[in-house]
């Protein structure tokens, strides 16, 4: 961490106020915009990062706090009142978790791919809508995968293992490149080169994986091997391609949603629809979502603020699908 400012310094006081507000969960989209503007100043960003690291090291989540002065901006009526209110409601439920994630993550990606140089010379490539926290010390190089998926190219260091933590389990490198994906209900890892070992919550009974092999575990459950994968299909998103193989429709929607700038919500039960096999370009998420809707029997309702609501075609909607 950089050298701290005096506790009474205005920038430090503002940073702590923003942190308390973000951690409270009482986040509104307009306030988030004001925060982004404040953070755009280099000195403010450095101060915020120092205070954020200090807050994270202390552990407890701050109590609810009001937004800093000047954070609330005037809203302009650009859309019909009903549509704007609906979009704002959906956006609010989407933004609040983002605020909490911001405090935990050292690196976060938006709707694009992000390459990260790690302190030991290793490299991480984050898929869209992904986040990691870097927790290195003298004994272990630990990465927490907080959201999404990442590809790792690890610099060998026999004295300090390289581990990726996700949902209570751990993936430990044994001189390799590999990818880890964190979904809502499981974690999956695939080896591109070399070898890794994987353990679930109890961190016993290691499962070893070589190039092309993959394994999956859910929180509190054991590691299970999955079908092998062709090497040229591992982390294909790094080359701009989204490959969906034998995935449920709702999971396919979630994968496409990573690359959309607005929030994506599923309404209705998609579990009875046939599984999906498809390939999409990640730089064309709206086309991908529309193509999935046609092939899987869905409707896509688009609202202001980039919100999209996906539902089975048999579900009656009150808003007609529109284009932005």
C-alpha atoms as a PDB file:
ATOM      1  CA  UNK A   1       0.000   0.000   0.000  1.00  0.00           C
ATOM      2  CA  UNK A   2       1.100   3.566  -0.647  1.00  0.00           C
ATOM      3  CA  UNK A   3       1.993   5.849   2.210  1.00  0.00           C
ATOM      4  CA  UNK A   4      -1.270   6.976   3.856  1.00  0.00           C
ATOM      5  CA  UNK A   5      -2.511  10.528   4.095  1.00  0.00           C
ATOM      6  CA  UNK A   6      -3.202  11.992   7.547  1.00  0.00           C
ATOM      7  CA  UNK A   7      -6.582  10.676   8.820  1.00  0.00           C
ATOM      8  CA  UNK A   8      -7.996  14.204   8.726  1.00  0.00           C
ATOM      9  CA  UNK A   9      -7.012  14.812   5.096  1.00  0.00           C
ATOM     10  CA  UNK A  10     -10.167  15.637   3.067  1.00  0.00           C
ATOM     11  CA  UNK A  11      -9.418  12.982   0.430  1.00  0.00           C
ATOM     12  CA  UNK A  12      -8.946  10.303   3.106  1.00  0.00           C
ATOM     13  CA  UNK A  13     -12.162  11.346   4.845  1.00  0.00           C
ATOM     14  CA  UNK A  14     -14.048  11.206   1.545  1.00  0.00           C
ATOM     15  CA  UNK A  15     -12.562   7.802   0.708  1.00  0.00           C
ATOM     16  CA  UNK A  16     -13.700   6.357   4.040  1.00  0.00           C
ATOM     17  CA  UNK A  17     -17.175   7.817   3.505  1.00  0.00           C
ATOM     18  CA  UNK A  18     -17.388   6.210   0.064  1.00  0.00           C
ATOM     19  CA  UNK A  19     -16.227   2.877   1.499  1.00  0.00           C
ATOM     20  CA  UNK A  20     -18.875   2.953   4.226  1.00  0.00           C
ATOM     21  CA  UNK A  21     -21.507   3.803   1.623  1.00  0.00           C
ATOM     22  CA  UNK A  22     -20.421   1.050  -0.764  1.00  0.00           C
ATOM     23  CA  UNK A  23     -20.323  -1.553   1.997  1.00  0.00           C
ATOM     24  CA  UNK A  24     -23.757  -0.556   3.296  1.00  0.00           C
ATOM     25  CA  UNK A  25     -25.481  -1.876   0.170  1.00  0.00           C
ATOM     26  CA  UNK A  26     -27.687   1.247   0.029  1.00  0.00           C
ATOM     27  CA  UNK A  27     -26.488   2.026  -3.478  1.00  0.00           C
ATOM     28  CA  UNK A  28     -28.293   3.919  -6.198  1.00  0.00           C
ATOM     29  CA  UNK A  29     -27.170   4.135  -9.837  1.00  0.00           C
ATOM     30  CA  UNK A  30     -26.935   7.935  -9.710  1.00  0.00           C
ATOM     31  CA  UNK A  31     -24.726   7.762  -6.623  1.00  0.00           C
ATOM     32  CA  UNK A  32     -22.527   5.181  -8.312  1.00  0.00           C
ATOM     33  CA  UNK A  33     -22.014   7.584 -11.206  1.00  0.00           C
ATOM     34  CA  UNK A  34     -20.915  10.302  -8.792  1.00  0.00           C
ATOM     35  CA  UNK A  35     -18.521   7.860  -7.136  1.00  0.00           C
ATOM     36  CA  UNK A  36     -16.993   6.926 -10.504  1.00  0.00           C
ATOM     37  CA  UNK A  37     -16.432  10.616 -11.257  1.00  0.00           C
ATOM     38  CA  UNK A  38     -14.720  11.150  -7.900  1.00  0.00           C
ATOM     39  CA  UNK A  39     -12.591   8.032  -8.397  1.00  0.00           C
ATOM     40  CA  UNK A  40     -11.433   9.218 -11.836  1.00  0.00           C
ATOM     41  CA  UNK A  41      -9.016  11.647 -10.162  1.00  0.00           C
ATOM     42  CA  UNK A  42      -5.619   9.879  -9.808  1.00  0.00           C
ATOM     43  CA  UNK A  43      -4.983  11.134  -6.259  1.00  0.00           C
ATOM     44  CA  UNK A  44      -8.471  10.088  -5.191  1.00  0.00           C
ATOM     45  CA  UNK A  45      -7.999   6.611  -6.652  1.00  0.00           C
ATOM     46  CA  UNK A  46      -4.701   6.092  -4.804  1.00  0.00           C
ATOM     47  CA  UNK A  47      -6.246   7.233  -1.526  1.00  0.00           C
ATOM     48  CA  UNK A  48      -9.310   5.064  -2.047  1.00  0.00           C
ATOM     49  CA  UNK A  49      -7.174   1.986  -2.767  1.00  0.00           C
ATOM     50  CA  UNK A  50      -5.154   2.532   0.411  1.00  0.00           C
ATOM     51  CA  UNK A  51      -8.255   2.978   2.568  1.00  0.00           C
ATOM     52  CA  UNK A  52      -9.953   0.009   0.867  1.00  0.00           C
ATOM     53  CA  UNK A  53      -6.994  -2.278   1.603  1.00  0.00           C
ATOM     54  CA  UNK A  54      -6.928  -1.068   5.196  1.00  0.00           C
ATOM     55  CA  UNK A  55     -10.681  -1.653   5.551  1.00  0.00           C
ATOM     56  CA  UNK A  56     -10.392  -5.142   4.074  1.00  0.00           C
ATOM     57  CA  UNK A  57      -7.599  -6.062   6.488  1.00  0.00           C
ATOM     58  CA  UNK A  58      -9.796  -5.098   9.464  1.00  0.00           C
ATOM     59  CA  UNK A  59     -12.561  -7.474   8.414  1.00  0.00           C
ATOM     60  CA  UNK A  60     -15.948  -6.177   9.710  1.00  0.00           C
ATOM     61  CA  UNK A  61     -18.416  -4.756   7.268  1.00  0.00           C
ATOM     62  CA  UNK A  62     -19.136  -1.060   8.004  1.00  0.00           C
ATOM     63  CA  UNK A  63     -22.590  -0.063   9.132  1.00  0.00           C
ATOM     64  CA  UNK A  64     -24.979   1.627   6.740  1.00  0.00           C
ATOM     65  CA  UNK A  65     -23.920   5.152   5.913  1.00  0.00           C
ATOM     66  CA  UNK A  66     -25.381   7.943   3.815  1.00  0.00           C
ATOM     67  CA  UNK A  67     -23.764   8.886   0.546  1.00  0.00           C
ATOM     68  CA  UNK A  68     -21.103  11.612   0.704  1.00  0.00           C
ATOM     69  CA  UNK A  69     -22.266  15.163   0.156  1.00  0.00           C
ATOM     70  CA  UNK A  70     -22.885  15.960  -3.490  1.00  0.00           C
ATOM     71  CA  UNK A  71     -23.280  12.343  -4.492  1.00  0.00           C
ATOM     72  CA  UNK A  72     -26.925  12.650  -5.467  1.00  0.00           C
ATOM     73  CA  UNK A  73     -27.435  14.145  -8.884  1.00  0.00           C
ATOM     74  CA  UNK A  74     -30.609  15.378 -10.486  1.00  0.00           C
ATOM     75  CA  UNK A  75     -32.504  12.781 -12.524  1.00  0.00           C
ATOM     76  CA  UNK A  76     -33.867  13.729 -15.906  1.00  0.00           C
ATOM     77  CA  UNK A  77     -37.024  12.193 -17.267  1.00  0.00           C
ATOM     78  CA  UNK A  78     -35.881  10.668 -20.565  1.00  0.00           C
ATOM     79  CA  UNK A  79     -38.328   7.786 -20.819  1.00  0.00           C
ATOM     80  CA  UNK A  80     -41.960   7.148 -19.948  1.00  0.00           C
ATOM     81  CA  UNK A  81     -42.308   7.073 -16.165  1.00  0.00           C
ATOM     82  CA  UNK A  82     -43.375   3.412 -15.912  1.00  0.00           C
ATOM     83  CA  UNK A  83     -40.506   2.100 -18.053  1.00  0.00           C
ATOM     84  CA  UNK A  84     -37.910   4.257 -16.269  1.00  0.00           C
ATOM     85  CA  UNK A  85     -39.148   3.163 -12.844  1.00  0.00           C
ATOM     86  CA  UNK A  86     -39.007  -0.487 -13.816  1.00  0.00           C
ATOM     87  CA  UNK A  87     -35.503  -0.139 -15.239  1.00  0.00           C
ATOM     88  CA  UNK A  88     -34.303   1.723 -12.146  1.00  0.00           C
ATOM     89  CA  UNK A  89     -35.655  -1.001  -9.876  1.00  0.00           C
ATOM     90  CA  UNK A  90     -33.843  -3.726 -11.797  1.00  0.00           C
ATOM     91  CA  UNK A  91     -30.656  -1.659 -12.009  1.00  0.00           C
ATOM     92  CA  UNK A  92     -30.661  -1.044  -8.258  1.00  0.00           C
ATOM     93  CA  UNK A  93     -30.766  -4.761  -7.448  1.00  0.00           C
ATOM     94  CA  UNK A  94     -27.885  -5.199  -9.890  1.00  0.00           C
ATOM     95  CA  UNK A  95     -25.664  -2.354  -8.641  1.00  0.00           C
ATOM     96  CA  UNK A  96     -25.705  -3.069  -4.870  1.00  0.00           C
ATOM     97  CA  UNK A  97     -23.701  -6.339  -5.129  1.00  0.00           C
ATOM     98  CA  UNK A  98     -21.272  -4.520  -7.413  1.00  0.00           C
ATOM     99  CA  UNK A  99     -20.493  -2.081  -4.632  1.00  0.00           C
ATOM    100  CA  UNK A 100     -19.607  -4.857  -2.207  1.00  0.00           C
ATOM    101  CA  UNK A 101     -17.494  -6.592  -4.855  1.00  0.00           C
ATOM    102  CA  UNK A 102     -15.580  -3.384  -5.501  1.00  0.00           C
ATOM    103  CA  UNK A 103     -14.344  -3.374  -1.920  1.00  0.00           C
ATOM    104  CA  UNK A 104     -13.116  -6.974  -2.082  1.00  0.00           C
ATOM    105  CA  UNK A 105     -11.548  -7.091  -5.541  1.00  0.00           C
ATOM    106  CA  UNK A 106      -8.085  -5.938  -6.572  1.00  0.00           C
ATOM    107  CA  UNK A 107      -8.873  -6.405 -10.273  1.00  0.00           C
ATOM    108  CA  UNK A 108     -12.284  -6.313 -11.961  1.00  0.00           C
ATOM    109  CA  UNK A 109     -13.302  -6.472 -15.601  1.00  0.00           C
ATOM    110  CA  UNK A 110     -16.277  -4.808 -17.208  1.00  0.00           C
ATOM    111  CA  UNK A 111     -17.771  -6.056 -20.461  1.00  0.00           C
ATOM    112  CA  UNK A 112     -14.352  -6.766 -21.981  1.00  0.00           C
ATOM    113  CA  UNK A 113     -11.334  -8.989 -21.381  1.00  0.00           C
ATOM    114  CA  UNK A 114      -8.645  -7.729 -18.980  1.00  0.00           C
ATOM    115  CA  UNK A 115      -5.039  -8.917 -18.682  1.00  0.00           C
ATOM    116  CA  UNK A 116      -3.430  -8.566 -15.236  1.00  0.00           C
ATOM    117  CA  UNK A 117       0.287  -8.751 -14.406  1.00  0.00           C
ATOM    118  CA  UNK A 118       0.582 -10.359 -10.968  1.00  0.00           C
ATOM    119  CA  UNK A 119       3.326  -9.373  -8.482  1.00  0.00           C
ATOM    120  CA  UNK A 120       5.412 -12.541  -9.023  1.00  0.00           C
ATOM    121  CA  UNK A 121       5.485 -12.259 -12.826  1.00  0.00           C
ATOM    122  CA  UNK A 122       2.531 -14.604 -13.333  1.00  0.00           C
ATOM    123  CA  UNK A 123      -0.344 -13.449 -15.514  1.00  0.00           C
ATOM    124  CA  UNK A 124      -4.106 -13.595 -15.149  1.00  0.00           C
ATOM    125  CA  UNK A 125      -6.573 -12.895 -17.944  1.00  0.00           C
ATOM    126  CA  UNK A 126     -10.059 -12.064 -16.707  1.00  0.00           C
ATOM    127  CA  UNK A 127     -13.139 -12.791 -18.744  1.00  0.00           C
ATOM    128  CA  UNK A 128     -15.817 -10.103 -18.807  1.00  0.00           C
ATOM    129  CA  UNK A 129     -17.651  -9.493 -15.521  1.00  0.00           C
ATOM    130  CA  UNK A 130     -14.954 -11.223 -13.475  1.00  0.00           C
ATOM    131  CA  UNK A 131     -13.030 -10.238 -10.363  1.00  0.00           C
ATOM    132  CA  UNK A 132     -10.052 -11.458  -8.347  1.00  0.00           C
ATOM    133  CA  UNK A 133      -8.352 -10.508  -5.101  1.00  0.00           C
ATOM    134  CA  UNK A 134      -4.571 -10.936  -4.811  1.00  0.00           C
ATOM    135  CA  UNK A 135      -3.473 -12.269  -1.411  1.00  0.00           C
ATOM    136  CA  UNK A 136       0.234 -13.011  -1.619  1.00  0.00           C
ATOM    137  CA  UNK A 137       2.415 -13.539   1.448  1.00  0.00           C
ATOM    138  CA  UNK A 138       5.731 -15.170   2.273  1.00  0.00           C
ATOM    139  CA  UNK A 139       4.323 -18.714   2.226  1.00  0.00           C
ATOM    140  CA  UNK A 140       1.735 -18.822  -0.552  1.00  0.00           C
ATOM    141  CA  UNK A 141       0.597 -16.930  -3.636  1.00  0.00           C
ATOM    142  CA  UNK A 142      -3.181 -16.957  -3.251  1.00  0.00           C
ATOM    143  CA  UNK A 143      -5.756 -15.600  -5.702  1.00  0.00           C
ATOM    144  CA  UNK A 144      -9.419 -15.431  -4.706  1.00  0.00           C
ATOM    145  CA  UNK A 145     -11.723 -15.778  -7.710  1.00  0.00           C
ATOM    146  CA  UNK A 146     -14.640 -13.630  -6.569  1.00  0.00           C
ATOM    147  CA  UNK A 147     -16.674 -13.760  -9.757  1.00  0.00           C
ATOM    148  CA  UNK A 148     -16.602 -15.031 -13.317  1.00  0.00           C
ATOM    149  CA  UNK A 149     -13.661 -16.827 -14.827  1.00  0.00           C
ATOM    150  CA  UNK A 150      -9.949 -16.333 -15.317  1.00  0.00           C
ATOM    151  CA  UNK A 151      -7.025 -17.933 -17.139  1.00  0.00           C
ATOM    152  CA  UNK A 152      -3.689 -18.138 -15.318  1.00  0.00           C
ATOM    153  CA  UNK A 153      -0.124 -18.450 -16.585  1.00  0.00           C
ATOM    154  CA  UNK A 154       2.002 -19.156 -13.543  1.00  0.00           C
ATOM    155  CA  UNK A 155       5.655 -18.326 -12.948  1.00  0.00           C
ATOM    156  CA  UNK A 156       7.292 -21.270 -11.126  1.00  0.00           C
ATOM    157  CA  UNK A 157       8.274 -20.687  -7.491  1.00  0.00           C
ATOM    158  CA  UNK A 158       8.850 -23.922  -5.514  1.00  0.00           C
ATOM    159  CA  UNK A 159       8.978 -21.997  -2.248  1.00  0.00           C
ATOM    160  CA  UNK A 160       5.511 -20.476  -2.640  1.00  0.00           C
ATOM    161  CA  UNK A 161       2.601 -22.478  -4.083  1.00  0.00           C
ATOM    162  CA  UNK A 162       0.178 -20.702  -6.412  1.00  0.00           C
ATOM    163  CA  UNK A 163      -3.438 -21.289  -5.372  1.00  0.00           C
ATOM    164  CA  UNK A 164      -6.824 -20.111  -6.615  1.00  0.00           C
ATOM    165  CA  UNK A 165      -9.602 -20.102  -4.010  1.00  0.00           C
ATOM    166  CA  UNK A 166     -13.262 -20.248  -5.053  1.00  0.00           C
ATOM    167  CA  UNK A 167     -16.392 -21.261  -3.136  1.00  0.00           C
ATOM    168  CA  UNK A 168     -14.384 -22.853  -0.353  1.00  0.00           C
ATOM    169  CA  UNK A 169     -12.289 -25.057  -2.653  1.00  0.00           C
ATOM    170  CA  UNK A 170      -8.778 -24.598  -3.976  1.00  0.00           C
ATOM    171  CA  UNK A 171      -6.973 -25.146  -7.269  1.00  0.00           C
ATOM    172  CA  UNK A 172      -3.205 -25.409  -6.833  1.00  0.00           C
ATOM    173  CA  UNK A 173      -0.776 -24.969  -9.685  1.00  0.00           C
ATOM    174  CA  UNK A 174       1.974 -27.468 -10.436  1.00  0.00           C
ATOM    175  CA  UNK A 175       3.808 -25.442 -13.137  1.00  0.00           C
ATOM    176  CA  UNK A 176       1.059 -24.857 -15.668  1.00  0.00           C
ATOM    177  CA  UNK A 177      -1.482 -22.675 -17.420  1.00  0.00           C
ATOM    178  CA  UNK A 178      -5.092 -23.266 -16.517  1.00  0.00           C
ATOM    179  CA  UNK A 179      -8.530 -21.667 -16.381  1.00  0.00           C
ATOM    180  CA  UNK A 180     -11.004 -21.464 -13.499  1.00  0.00           C
ATOM    181  CA  UNK A 181     -14.689 -20.543 -13.826  1.00  0.00           C
ATOM    182  CA  UNK A 182     -16.917 -19.675 -10.877  1.00  0.00           C
ATOM    183  CA  UNK A 183     -20.626 -20.159 -11.552  1.00  0.00           C
ATOM    184  CA  UNK A 184     -23.532 -19.716  -9.144  1.00  0.00           C
ATOM    185  CA  UNK A 185     -23.598 -23.356  -8.086  1.00  0.00           C
ATOM    186  CA  UNK A 186     -20.154 -24.763  -8.914  1.00  0.00           C
ATOM    187  CA  UNK A 187     -16.521 -24.111  -9.794  1.00  0.00           C
ATOM    188  CA  UNK A 188     -14.826 -25.658 -12.817  1.00  0.00           C
ATOM    189  CA  UNK A 189     -11.156 -25.779 -13.738  1.00  0.00           C
ATOM    190  CA  UNK A 190      -9.513 -26.861 -17.005  1.00  0.00           C
ATOM    191  CA  UNK A 191      -5.776 -27.404 -17.582  1.00  0.00           C
ATOM    192  CA  UNK A 192      -4.222 -26.076 -20.766  1.00  0.00           C
ATOM    193  CA  UNK A 193      -0.616 -27.023 -20.037  1.00  0.00           C
ATOM    194  CA  UNK A 194       1.165 -28.838 -17.216  1.00  0.00           C
ATOM    195  CA  UNK A 195      -0.730 -30.038 -14.141  1.00  0.00           C
ATOM    196  CA  UNK A 196      -2.894 -28.767 -11.281  1.00  0.00           C
ATOM    197  CA  UNK A 197      -4.513 -30.394  -8.287  1.00  0.00           C
ATOM    198  CA  UNK A 198      -7.987 -29.597  -7.015  1.00  0.00           C
ATOM    199  CA  UNK A 199      -9.655 -30.026  -3.624  1.00  0.00           C
ATOM    200  CA  UNK A 200     -13.104 -29.054  -2.385  1.00  0.00           C
ATOM    201  CA  UNK A 201     -13.969 -27.486   0.968  1.00  0.00           C
ATOM    202  CA  UNK A 202     -12.140 -30.019   3.164  1.00  0.00           C
ATOM    203  CA  UNK A 203      -8.944 -29.574   1.096  1.00  0.00           C
ATOM    204  CA  UNK A 204      -8.194 -33.294   1.253  1.00  0.00           C
ATOM    205  CA  UNK A 205      -8.350 -36.038  -1.338  1.00  0.00           C
ATOM    206  CA  UNK A 206      -6.652 -34.069  -4.105  1.00  0.00           C
ATOM    207  CA  UNK A 207      -7.728 -34.652  -7.719  1.00  0.00           C
ATOM    208  CA  UNK A 208      -4.864 -34.229 -10.207  1.00  0.00           C
ATOM    209  CA  UNK A 209      -5.483 -32.865 -13.707  1.00  0.00           C
ATOM    210  CA  UNK A 210      -3.221 -32.811 -16.762  1.00  0.00           C
ATOM    211  CA  UNK A 211      -3.519 -30.911 -20.056  1.00  0.00           C
ATOM    212  CA  UNK A 212      -7.013 -31.113 -21.519  1.00  0.00           C
ATOM    213  CA  UNK A 213      -8.571 -32.442 -18.331  1.00  0.00           C
ATOM    214  CA  UNK A 214     -11.160 -30.679 -16.237  1.00  0.00           C
ATOM    215  CA  UNK A 215     -12.958 -31.094 -12.925  1.00  0.00           C
ATOM    216  CA  UNK A 216     -15.869 -29.504 -11.094  1.00  0.00           C
ATOM    217  CA  UNK A 217     -16.968 -29.075  -7.501  1.00  0.00           C
ATOM    218  CA  UNK A 218     -19.841 -27.380  -5.704  1.00  0.00           C
ATOM    219  CA  UNK A 219     -19.649 -25.786  -2.281  1.00  0.00           C
ATOM    220  CA  UNK A 220     -19.480 -28.515   0.359  1.00  0.00           C
ATOM    221  CA  UNK A 221     -19.263 -31.347  -2.192  1.00  0.00           C
ATOM    222  CA  UNK A 222     -16.492 -33.513  -3.623  1.00  0.00           C
ATOM    223  CA  UNK A 223     -14.493 -32.881  -6.785  1.00  0.00           C
ATOM    224  CA  UNK A 224     -15.757 -34.757  -9.857  1.00  0.00           C
ATOM    225  CA  UNK A 225     -13.975 -35.259 -13.171  1.00  0.00           C
ATOM    226  CA  UNK A 226     -15.678 -34.010 -16.338  1.00  0.00           C
ATOM    227  CA  UNK A 227     -15.140 -34.886 -19.997  1.00  0.00           C
ATOM    228  CA  UNK A 228     -11.788 -33.844 -21.434  1.00  0.00           C
ATOM    229  CA  UNK A 229     -11.581 -30.700 -23.557  1.00  0.00           C
ATOM    230  CA  UNK A 230      -9.642 -30.018 -26.770  1.00  0.00           C
ATOM    231  CA  UNK A 231      -6.766 -27.658 -25.983  1.00  0.00           C
ATOM    232  CA  UNK A 232      -7.826 -25.102 -28.614  1.00  0.00           C
ATOM    233  CA  UNK A 233     -11.230 -24.761 -26.930  1.00  0.00           C
ATOM    234  CA  UNK A 234      -9.925 -23.877 -23.480  1.00  0.00           C
ATOM    235  CA  UNK A 235     -10.771 -20.297 -22.466  1.00  0.00           C
ATOM    236  CA  UNK A 236     -11.789 -19.497 -26.055  1.00  0.00           C
ATOM    237  CA  UNK A 237     -13.156 -16.185 -24.754  1.00  0.00           C
ATOM    238  CA  UNK A 238      -9.555 -14.908 -24.785  1.00  0.00           C
ATOM    239  CA  UNK A 239      -9.828 -15.002 -28.589  1.00  0.00           C
ATOM    240  CA  UNK A 240     -13.254 -13.330 -28.609  1.00  0.00           C
ATOM    241  CA  UNK A 241     -15.357 -16.482 -28.946  1.00  0.00           C
ATOM    242  CA  UNK A 242     -18.001 -17.720 -26.519  1.00  0.00           C
ATOM    243  CA  UNK A 243     -18.460 -21.482 -26.775  1.00  0.00           C
ATOM    244  CA  UNK A 244     -21.553 -22.965 -25.141  1.00  0.00           C
ATOM    245  CA  UNK A 245     -21.720 -26.751 -25.029  1.00  0.00           C
ATOM    246  CA  UNK A 246     -24.619 -28.766 -23.584  1.00  0.00           C
ATOM    247  CA  UNK A 247     -25.522 -25.889 -21.261  1.00  0.00           C
ATOM    248  CA  UNK A 248     -28.909 -25.098 -19.808  1.00  0.00           C
ATOM    249  CA  UNK A 249     -30.639 -22.104 -21.387  1.00  0.00           C
ATOM    250  CA  UNK A 250     -30.461 -20.033 -18.205  1.00  0.00           C
ATOM    251  CA  UNK A 251     -26.737 -20.698 -17.939  1.00  0.00           C
ATOM    252  CA  UNK A 252     -26.329 -19.677 -21.589  1.00  0.00           C
ATOM    253  CA  UNK A 253     -28.154 -16.421 -20.865  1.00  0.00           C
ATOM    254  CA  UNK A 254     -25.839 -15.750 -17.915  1.00  0.00           C
ATOM    255  CA  UNK A 255     -22.759 -16.351 -20.047  1.00  0.00           C
ATOM    256  CA  UNK A 256     -23.897 -13.929 -22.728  1.00  0.00           C
ATOM    257  CA  UNK A 257     -24.896 -11.403 -20.068  1.00  0.00           C
ATOM    258  CA  UNK A 258     -21.249 -11.034 -19.019  1.00  0.00           C
ATOM    259  CA  UNK A 259     -20.583  -9.082 -22.186  1.00  0.00           C
ATOM    260  CA  UNK A 260     -23.639  -6.781 -22.057  1.00  0.00           C
ATOM    261  CA  UNK A 261     -23.224  -3.279 -20.608  1.00  0.00           C
ATOM    262  CA  UNK A 262     -26.634  -3.403 -18.894  1.00  0.00           C
ATOM    263  CA  UNK A 263     -28.239  -5.774 -16.406  1.00  0.00           C
ATOM    264  CA  UNK A 264     -29.804  -9.016 -17.654  1.00  0.00           C
ATOM    265  CA  UNK A 265     -32.611 -10.746 -15.737  1.00  0.00           C
ATOM    266  CA  UNK A 266     -34.390 -14.059 -16.260  1.00  0.00           C
ATOM    267  CA  UNK A 267     -38.112 -14.252 -15.596  1.00  0.00           C
ATOM    268  CA  UNK A 268     -39.876 -17.582 -15.564  1.00  0.00           C
ATOM    269  CA  UNK A 269     -38.645 -21.172 -15.568  1.00  0.00           C
ATOM    270  CA  UNK A 270     -36.120 -22.023 -18.290  1.00  0.00           C
ATOM    271  CA  UNK A 271     -35.153 -25.394 -16.821  1.00  0.00           C
ATOM    272  CA  UNK A 272     -37.523 -27.373 -19.060  1.00  0.00           C
ATOM    273  CA  UNK A 273     -35.999 -26.035 -22.293  1.00  0.00           C
ATOM    274  CA  UNK A 274     -33.505 -28.216 -24.205  1.00  0.00           C
ATOM    275  CA  UNK A 275     -29.809 -27.674 -23.554  1.00  0.00           C
ATOM    276  CA  UNK A 276     -27.876 -25.362 -25.854  1.00  0.00           C
ATOM    277  CA  UNK A 277     -24.842 -25.826 -28.122  1.00  0.00           C
ATOM    278  CA  UNK A 278     -23.721 -22.601 -29.764  1.00  0.00           C
ATOM    279  CA  UNK A 279     -20.811 -20.315 -30.601  1.00  0.00           C
ATOM    280  CA  UNK A 280     -21.073 -16.528 -30.382  1.00  0.00           C
ATOM    281  CA  UNK A 281     -18.781 -13.525 -30.728  1.00  0.00           C
ATOM    282  CA  UNK A 282     -18.347 -11.790 -27.380  1.00  0.00           C
ATOM    283  CA  UNK A 283     -18.096  -8.387 -29.051  1.00  0.00           C
ATOM    284  CA  UNK A 284     -21.692  -8.781 -30.310  1.00  0.00           C
ATOM    285  CA  UNK A 285     -23.642  -9.666 -27.160  1.00  0.00           C
ATOM    286  CA  UNK A 286     -26.979  -8.250 -28.319  1.00  0.00           C
ATOM    287  CA  UNK A 287     -26.889 -10.359 -31.467  1.00  0.00           C
ATOM    288  CA  UNK A 288     -25.900 -13.379 -29.373  1.00  0.00           C
ATOM    289  CA  UNK A 289     -28.816 -12.853 -26.991  1.00  0.00           C
ATOM    290  CA  UNK A 290     -31.269 -12.463 -29.872  1.00  0.00           C
ATOM    291  CA  UNK A 291     -29.911 -15.567 -31.632  1.00  0.00           C
ATOM    292  CA  UNK A 292     -30.257 -17.579 -28.419  1.00  0.00           C
ATOM    293  CA  UNK A 293     -33.810 -16.320 -28.009  1.00  0.00           C
ATOM    294  CA  UNK A 294     -34.768 -17.474 -31.504  1.00  0.00           C
ATOM    295  CA  UNK A 295     -33.174 -20.908 -31.157  1.00  0.00           C
ATOM    296  CA  UNK A 296     -34.318 -21.613 -27.576  1.00  0.00           C
ATOM    297  CA  UNK A 297     -37.816 -20.124 -27.699  1.00  0.00           C
ATOM    298  CA  UNK A 298     -37.367 -16.997 -25.589  1.00  0.00           C
ATOM    299  CA  UNK A 299     -38.512 -13.401 -25.601  1.00  0.00           C
ATOM    300  CA  UNK A 300     -36.132 -10.535 -24.837  1.00  0.00           C
ATOM    301  CA  UNK A 301     -37.683  -7.379 -23.405  1.00  0.00           C
ATOM    302  CA  UNK A 302     -35.323  -4.413 -23.472  1.00  0.00           C
ATOM    303  CA  UNK A 303     -35.824  -1.459 -21.145  1.00  0.00           C
ATOM    304  CA  UNK A 304     -33.949   1.822 -20.677  1.00  0.00           C
ATOM    305  CA  UNK A 305     -30.554   1.802 -18.935  1.00  0.00           C
ATOM    306  CA  UNK A 306     -29.578  -1.309 -20.921  1.00  0.00           C
ATOM    307  CA  UNK A 307     -31.805  -3.636 -18.889  1.00  0.00           C
ATOM    308  CA  UNK A 308     -32.882  -6.839 -20.658  1.00  0.00           C
ATOM    309  CA  UNK A 309     -35.500  -9.281 -19.336  1.00  0.00           C
ATOM    310  CA  UNK A 310     -35.396 -12.797 -20.774  1.00  0.00           C
ATOM    311  CA  UNK A 311     -38.410 -15.089 -20.454  1.00  0.00           C
ATOM    312  CA  UNK A 312     -39.883 -18.195 -22.104  1.00  0.00           C
ATOM    313  CA  UNK A 313     -41.827 -17.306 -25.236  1.00  0.00           C
ATOM    314  CA  UNK A 314     -45.028 -18.632 -23.638  1.00  0.00           C
ATOM    315  CA  UNK A 315     -44.786 -16.106 -20.801  1.00  0.00           C
ATOM    316  CA  UNK A 316     -46.949 -13.020 -21.293  1.00  0.00           C
ATOM    317  CA  UNK A 317     -45.015  -9.780 -21.078  1.00  0.00           C
ATOM    318  CA  UNK A 318     -46.393  -6.299 -20.589  1.00  0.00           C
ATOM    319  CA  UNK A 319     -43.615  -4.540 -22.479  1.00  0.00           C
ATOM    320  CA  UNK A 320     -42.919  -5.018 -26.177  1.00  0.00           C
ATOM    321  CA  UNK A 321     -39.371  -5.967 -27.148  1.00  0.00           C
ATOM    322  CA  UNK A 322     -37.539  -2.895 -28.382  1.00  0.00           C
ATOM    323  CA  UNK A 323     -34.109  -2.083 -29.702  1.00  0.00           C
ATOM    324  CA  UNK A 324     -31.882   0.517 -28.145  1.00  0.00           C
END
